[in-house]
Amino acid sequence: MQVVDAALVRVLVVDDHTMFAEAVARSIESELDLELAGAVTTIEAAEAVLTSGRVDAVVLDIELNGESGIDLLRNWSSRLPDCSFVLLATSVRRESVLEALECGAAAVISKSRPADDLIAAVRAARNGRLSILLETAADADQISELGLTDREVGILRLLAEGQADSEIAEALHISRNTVRTHVRRAFAKLGASSRLEAVAVARRHGVL
């Protein structure tokens, strides 16, 4: 029986481009704090790994061959709340990015970014930080062009006051998961990667 080191972050790679998946797998295996849980090319194979043992993070292509990585994210993010999902994007479609964040993605990163950026996004996700690393600054700006909803602005105001997710959830009579979903969407629209940055950007644009 395989012994799993609880101190290591176990990462599953899901990408239908075998050479790319193998390259990502090698990058993960070269890191002292990460451990490869598997490298697979289909949702069915990914689900088999997710049900067979501990997985702490999933590096997942949004567009698999005939399948949607977001479907896997949607089905498993609530079943594995302690698992971080880092989604890979070949092309930037703001609707897909926002949908991924709404479904619980901890990061969205362009496949053209260096391997070091992907590893950093995995680590950030495990530390509760959101990463949106697209191909160019213009792509990030494209995501940020969407307007904030009243609910997102309200939550940003409470964040600016220093309130925690649980306090915001109680004040607005919504769940903490719903709070986190709104926060993720606000981050994407503002091009922010942390709560402090989101509040600062919102203030700079006169939202708060």
Protein backbone atom coordinates (compact mmCIF):
# COMPACT_ATOMS: atom_id res chain seq x y z
CA MET A 1 0.00 0.00 0.00
CA GLN A 2 1.30 3.44 -0.96
CA VAL A 3 2.15 5.73 1.94
CA VAL A 4 0.99 9.32 1.39
CA ASP A 5 3.02 12.08 3.01
CA ALA A 6 0.47 14.40 4.64
CA ALA A 7 2.95 17.29 4.48
CA LEU A 8 3.02 17.24 0.68
CA VAL A 9 0.42 18.87 -1.56
CA ARG A 10 -0.92 16.13 -3.84
CA VAL A 11 -1.68 17.49 -7.31
CA LEU A 12 -3.76 15.88 -10.05
CA VAL A 13 -3.16 17.07 -13.63
CA VAL A 14 -6.07 16.82 -16.09
CA ASP A 15 -5.24 17.79 -19.68
CA ASP A 16 -6.01 16.07 -22.96
CA HIS A 17 -2.69 17.19 -24.50
CA THR A 18 -0.43 14.38 -23.31
CA MET A 19 2.87 16.18 -23.84
CA PHE A 20 1.65 19.25 -21.95
CA ALA A 21 0.28 17.13 -19.10
CA GLU A 22 3.58 15.26 -18.85
CA ALA A 23 5.52 18.54 -18.78
CA VAL A 24 3.31 19.86 -15.96
CA ALA A 25 3.69 16.55 -14.13
CA ARG A 26 7.49 16.79 -14.32
CA SER A 27 7.37 20.35 -12.96
CA ILE A 28 5.26 19.19 -10.01
CA GLU A 29 7.53 16.23 -9.29
CA SER A 30 10.56 18.54 -9.20
CA GLU A 31 9.10 20.55 -6.30
CA LEU A 32 9.90 19.44 -2.76
CA ASP A 33 6.50 20.47 -1.34
CA LEU A 34 4.37 18.95 -4.13
CA GLU A 35 3.55 15.37 -5.05
CA LEU A 36 1.96 14.11 -8.25
CA ALA A 37 -1.35 12.36 -7.58
CA GLY A 38 -1.75 11.52 -11.26
CA ALA A 39 -1.77 12.88 -14.80
CA VAL A 40 -4.85 11.97 -16.85
CA THR A 41 -6.53 13.08 -20.07
CA THR A 42 -10.26 12.62 -19.42
CA ILE A 43 -12.88 13.57 -16.85
CA GLU A 44 -13.68 9.90 -16.24
CA ALA A 45 -10.05 9.18 -15.39
CA ALA A 46 -9.88 12.29 -13.19
CA GLU A 47 -12.96 11.21 -11.24
CA ALA A 48 -11.39 7.79 -10.67
CA VAL A 49 -8.35 9.45 -9.07
CA LEU A 50 -10.50 11.85 -7.03
CA THR A 51 -12.48 8.97 -5.55
CA SER A 52 -9.51 6.70 -4.88
CA GLY A 53 -7.36 8.83 -2.59
CA ARG A 54 -6.38 12.25 -1.28
CA VAL A 55 -6.02 15.05 -3.80
CA ASP A 56 -5.23 18.55 -2.54
CA ALA A 57 -5.15 20.41 -5.87
CA VAL A 58 -6.32 19.80 -9.42
CA VAL A 59 -4.65 21.45 -12.41
CA LEU A 60 -7.46 21.26 -14.95
CA ASP A 61 -7.76 22.32 -18.60
CA ILE A 62 -10.98 24.27 -19.20
CA GLU A 63 -11.36 22.80 -22.69
CA LEU A 64 -10.78 19.06 -22.82
CA ASN A 65 -11.35 17.03 -25.97
CA GLY A 66 -15.14 17.03 -26.26
CA GLU A 67 -15.51 17.68 -22.53
CA SER A 68 -15.62 20.72 -20.27
CA GLY A 69 -13.22 21.06 -17.37
CA ILE A 70 -15.73 23.42 -15.80
CA ASP A 71 -18.21 20.51 -15.59
CA LEU A 72 -15.69 18.57 -13.50
CA LEU A 73 -15.08 21.66 -11.36
CA ARG A 74 -18.81 22.22 -10.87
CA ASN A 75 -19.43 18.62 -9.85
CA TRP A 76 -16.47 18.20 -7.51
CA SER A 77 -15.67 21.56 -5.91
CA SER A 78 -18.53 21.16 -3.42
CA ARG A 79 -17.77 17.47 -2.84
CA LEU A 80 -14.13 18.24 -2.08
CA PRO A 81 -14.23 21.67 -0.38
CA ASP A 82 -10.61 21.37 0.78
CA CYS A 83 -9.33 20.71 -2.74
CA SER A 84 -8.05 23.66 -4.80
CA PHE A 85 -8.88 23.78 -8.52
CA VAL A 86 -6.44 25.60 -10.81
CA LEU A 87 -7.89 25.97 -14.30
CA LEU A 88 -5.85 26.27 -17.49
CA ALA A 89 -7.05 28.39 -20.40
CA THR A 90 -5.79 28.13 -23.98
CA SER A 91 -7.74 31.18 -25.11
CA VAL A 92 -9.27 33.97 -23.06
CA ARG A 93 -13.07 33.99 -22.94
CA ARG A 94 -14.22 36.18 -20.10
CA GLU A 95 -17.45 34.23 -19.75
CA SER A 96 -15.48 31.03 -19.17
CA VAL A 97 -13.15 32.70 -16.68
CA LEU A 98 -16.04 34.12 -14.66
CA GLU A 99 -17.95 30.84 -14.83
CA ALA A 100 -14.88 28.99 -13.55
CA LEU A 101 -14.52 31.40 -10.64
CA GLU A 102 -18.21 31.18 -9.84
CA CYS A 103 -17.98 27.38 -9.76
CA GLY A 104 -15.16 27.50 -7.23
CA ALA A 105 -11.88 27.78 -9.16
CA ALA A 106 -9.02 29.08 -7.03
CA ALA A 107 -7.01 30.15 -10.08
CA VAL A 108 -7.30 30.65 -13.83
CA ILE A 109 -4.01 30.68 -15.71
CA SER A 110 -3.10 30.82 -19.39
CA LYS A 111 -1.38 27.71 -20.72
CA SER A 112 1.20 30.00 -22.32
CA ARG A 113 2.47 31.17 -18.92
CA PRO A 114 5.75 29.70 -17.59
CA ALA A 115 5.66 26.58 -15.44
CA ASP A 116 6.86 28.62 -12.46
CA ASP A 117 3.66 30.70 -12.66
CA LEU A 118 1.54 27.56 -12.57
CA ILE A 119 3.41 26.18 -9.56
CA ALA A 120 3.04 29.55 -7.83
CA ALA A 121 -0.71 29.51 -8.56
CA VAL A 122 -1.03 26.05 -6.99
CA ARG A 123 0.77 27.22 -3.86
CA ALA A 124 -1.28 30.42 -3.70
CA ALA A 125 -4.49 28.41 -4.04
CA ARG A 126 -3.49 26.20 -1.12
CA ASN A 127 -2.95 29.36 0.93
CA GLY A 128 -6.39 30.72 0.07
CA ARG A 129 -5.23 33.28 -2.50
CA LEU A 130 -6.86 33.76 -5.89
CA SER A 131 -4.70 33.92 -9.03
CA ILE A 132 -5.77 35.19 -12.45
CA LEU A 133 -2.75 34.90 -14.72
CA LEU A 134 -3.75 35.39 -18.33
CA GLU A 135 -1.59 35.72 -21.43
CA THR A 136 -1.22 39.50 -21.40
CA ALA A 137 -2.23 42.49 -19.32
CA ALA A 138 -4.78 43.31 -22.04
CA ASP A 139 -6.46 39.96 -21.41
CA ALA A 140 -6.69 40.70 -17.71
CA ASP A 141 -8.13 44.12 -18.52
CA GLN A 142 -10.73 42.43 -20.73
CA ILE A 143 -11.90 40.35 -17.78
CA SER A 144 -11.94 43.46 -15.58
CA GLU A 145 -14.19 45.46 -17.91
CA LEU A 146 -17.38 43.81 -16.62
CA GLY A 147 -19.27 45.87 -14.08
CA LEU A 148 -19.67 44.87 -10.46
CA THR A 149 -23.13 43.88 -9.24
CA ASP A 150 -24.72 45.63 -6.26
CA ARG A 151 -24.14 42.51 -4.18
CA GLU A 152 -20.45 42.43 -5.08
CA VAL A 153 -20.06 46.10 -4.20
CA GLY A 154 -21.82 45.52 -0.89
CA ILE A 155 -19.48 42.66 -0.04
CA LEU A 156 -16.45 44.76 -1.03
CA ARG A 157 -17.64 47.46 1.38
CA LEU A 158 -17.80 44.93 4.19
CA LEU A 159 -14.37 43.59 3.26
CA ALA A 160 -13.06 47.15 3.42
CA GLU A 161 -14.39 47.32 6.98
CA GLY A 162 -12.32 44.25 7.83
CA GLN A 163 -15.21 41.81 8.17
CA ALA A 164 -14.56 38.08 7.76
CA ASP A 165 -16.56 35.80 5.46
CA SER A 166 -18.62 34.48 8.37
CA GLU A 167 -19.53 38.01 9.48
CA ILE A 168 -20.47 39.03 5.95
CA ALA A 169 -22.58 35.90 5.53
CA GLU A 170 -24.45 36.63 8.75
CA ALA A 171 -24.98 40.30 7.88
CA LEU A 172 -26.33 39.51 4.39
CA HIS A 173 -28.17 36.29 5.36
CA ILE A 174 -26.26 34.20 2.82
CA SER A 175 -23.86 31.27 3.14
CA ARG A 176 -20.09 31.62 3.40
CA ASN A 177 -19.75 29.74 0.11
CA THR A 178 -21.97 32.35 -1.55
CA VAL A 179 -19.80 35.10 -0.07
CA ARG A 180 -16.69 33.44 -1.49
CA THR A 181 -18.34 33.12 -4.91
CA HIS A 182 -19.13 36.85 -5.00
CA VAL A 183 -15.61 37.66 -3.83
CA ARG A 184 -14.09 35.54 -6.62
CA ARG A 185 -16.22 37.25 -9.25
CA ALA A 186 -15.33 40.68 -7.88
CA PHE A 187 -11.64 39.76 -7.96
CA ALA A 188 -11.94 38.74 -11.61
CA LYS A 189 -13.75 41.91 -12.61
CA LEU A 190 -11.26 44.10 -10.77
CA GLY A 191 -8.19 42.16 -11.91
CA ALA A 192 -7.23 41.68 -8.25
CA SER A 193 -5.47 38.73 -6.64
CA SER A 194 -6.13 39.53 -2.97
CA ARG A 195 -8.81 41.14 -0.82
CA LEU A 196 -6.63 44.13 -0.02
CA GLU A 197 -5.91 44.66 -3.71
CA ALA A 198 -9.61 44.32 -4.61
CA VAL A 199 -10.58 46.97 -2.07
CA ALA A 200 -7.76 49.25 -3.25
CA VAL A 201 -8.73 48.89 -6.91
CA ALA A 202 -12.41 49.46 -6.12
CA ARG A 203 -11.53 52.63 -4.22
CA ARG A 204 -9.28 53.82 -7.04
CA HIS A 205 -12.18 53.49 -9.46
CA GLY A 206 -14.60 55.25 -7.13
CA VAL A 207 -16.66 52.13 -6.41
CA LEU A 208 -16.15 52.43 -2.63
